[in-house]
Protein backbone atom coordinates (compact mmCIF):
# COMPACT_ATOMS: atom_id res chain seq x y z
CA GLU A 1 -105.39 41.17 -101.03
CA PRO A 2 -105.05 41.90 -97.27
CA VAL A 3 -102.36 44.54 -97.85
CA ARG A 4 -104.41 46.17 -100.63
CA ARG A 5 -107.45 46.36 -98.35
CA LEU A 6 -105.37 47.73 -95.46
CA LEU A 7 -103.75 50.45 -97.60
CA THR A 8 -107.10 51.35 -99.18
CA LYS A 9 -108.77 51.70 -95.79
CA ALA A 10 -105.87 53.61 -94.18
CA LEU A 11 -105.62 56.11 -97.04
CA ALA A 12 -109.39 56.59 -97.17
CA LEU A 13 -109.52 57.18 -93.41
CA ASP A 14 -106.85 59.84 -93.92
CA GLY A 15 -109.19 61.64 -96.34
CA HIS A 16 -107.80 60.42 -99.67
CA ILE A 17 -109.97 59.25 -102.54
CA VAL A 18 -108.72 55.73 -103.24
CA THR A 19 -109.24 53.44 -106.20
CA SER A 20 -107.93 49.91 -105.98
CA ALA A 21 -107.42 47.25 -108.63
CA VAL A 22 -106.97 43.51 -108.20
CA ASN A 23 -104.25 43.18 -110.85
CA GLY A 24 -102.04 45.18 -113.19
CA ALA A 25 -104.36 44.89 -116.19
CA GLU A 26 -107.26 46.32 -114.18
CA ALA A 27 -105.00 49.06 -112.80
CA ILE A 28 -104.04 50.20 -116.31
CA ALA A 29 -107.69 50.31 -117.37
CA VAL A 30 -108.61 52.32 -114.27
CA PHE A 31 -105.70 54.73 -114.80
CA ILE A 32 -106.52 55.29 -118.48
CA ASP A 33 -110.11 56.08 -117.51
CA ARG A 34 -109.04 58.52 -114.79
CA PRO A 35 -105.41 59.42 -114.04
CA HIS A 36 -104.51 59.56 -110.35
CA ASP A 37 -102.22 61.73 -108.23
CA LEU A 38 -100.25 58.74 -106.90
CA VAL A 39 -99.95 55.04 -107.74
CA ILE A 40 -98.95 52.40 -105.20
CA THR A 41 -98.33 49.03 -106.80
CA ASP A 42 -97.29 45.54 -105.91
CA MET A 43 -94.33 44.51 -108.03
CA GLU A 44 -95.46 40.84 -108.09
CA MET A 45 -98.92 40.85 -109.70
CA PRO A 46 -100.64 38.40 -112.04
CA TYR A 47 -101.35 39.23 -115.71
CA VAL A 48 -99.36 42.49 -115.80
CA SER A 49 -96.30 42.85 -113.57
CA GLY A 50 -95.65 45.89 -111.42
CA GLN A 51 -92.72 46.76 -113.70
CA ALA A 52 -95.00 46.71 -116.77
CA LEU A 53 -97.64 48.75 -114.93
CA ILE A 54 -95.05 51.36 -113.98
CA ALA A 55 -93.81 51.58 -117.58
CA GLU A 56 -97.37 52.05 -118.88
CA ILE A 57 -98.24 54.72 -116.31
CA GLN A 58 -95.00 56.57 -117.02
CA HIS A 59 -95.94 56.50 -120.70
CA ILE A 60 -99.47 57.84 -120.04
CA ALA A 61 -98.62 60.37 -117.32
CA PRO A 62 -94.86 60.72 -116.77
CA SER A 63 -95.16 63.06 -113.78
CA THR A 64 -97.31 60.67 -111.71
CA PRO A 65 -95.42 59.51 -108.60
CA ILE A 66 -95.31 55.73 -108.21
CA ILE A 67 -94.48 53.62 -105.17
CA GLY A 68 -93.58 50.01 -105.97
CA MET A 69 -93.61 47.49 -103.15
CA THR A 70 -93.52 43.75 -102.65
CA GLY A 71 -93.80 41.20 -99.89
CA GLY A 72 -91.01 39.14 -101.41
CA PRO A 73 -87.32 39.32 -100.57
CA PHE A 74 -85.15 42.07 -101.97
CA PRO A 75 -82.73 41.12 -104.72
CA GLU A 76 -79.25 40.38 -103.37
CA SER A 77 -77.84 43.48 -105.05
CA ILE A 78 -80.05 45.69 -102.88
CA GLU A 79 -79.48 43.75 -99.65
CA ASP A 80 -75.70 44.06 -100.03
CA GLU A 81 -75.73 47.87 -100.20
């Protein structure tokens, strides 16, 4: 929640129109209603994971850029590179 609010405020202050959702299911509903130019998602969300959200958005609008992020640790395979 705090990171979502921070990103929403920072992007809005930079002049962007921002829509936020509290979980992946809400994000899909919002995106279906009105596609967006960019999606920033948490990978660790309740109800619908970030991975599932990304798959659904890529199905609806394949050219939409998506940034996936998480506050959790990286998988070991990424840390070792």
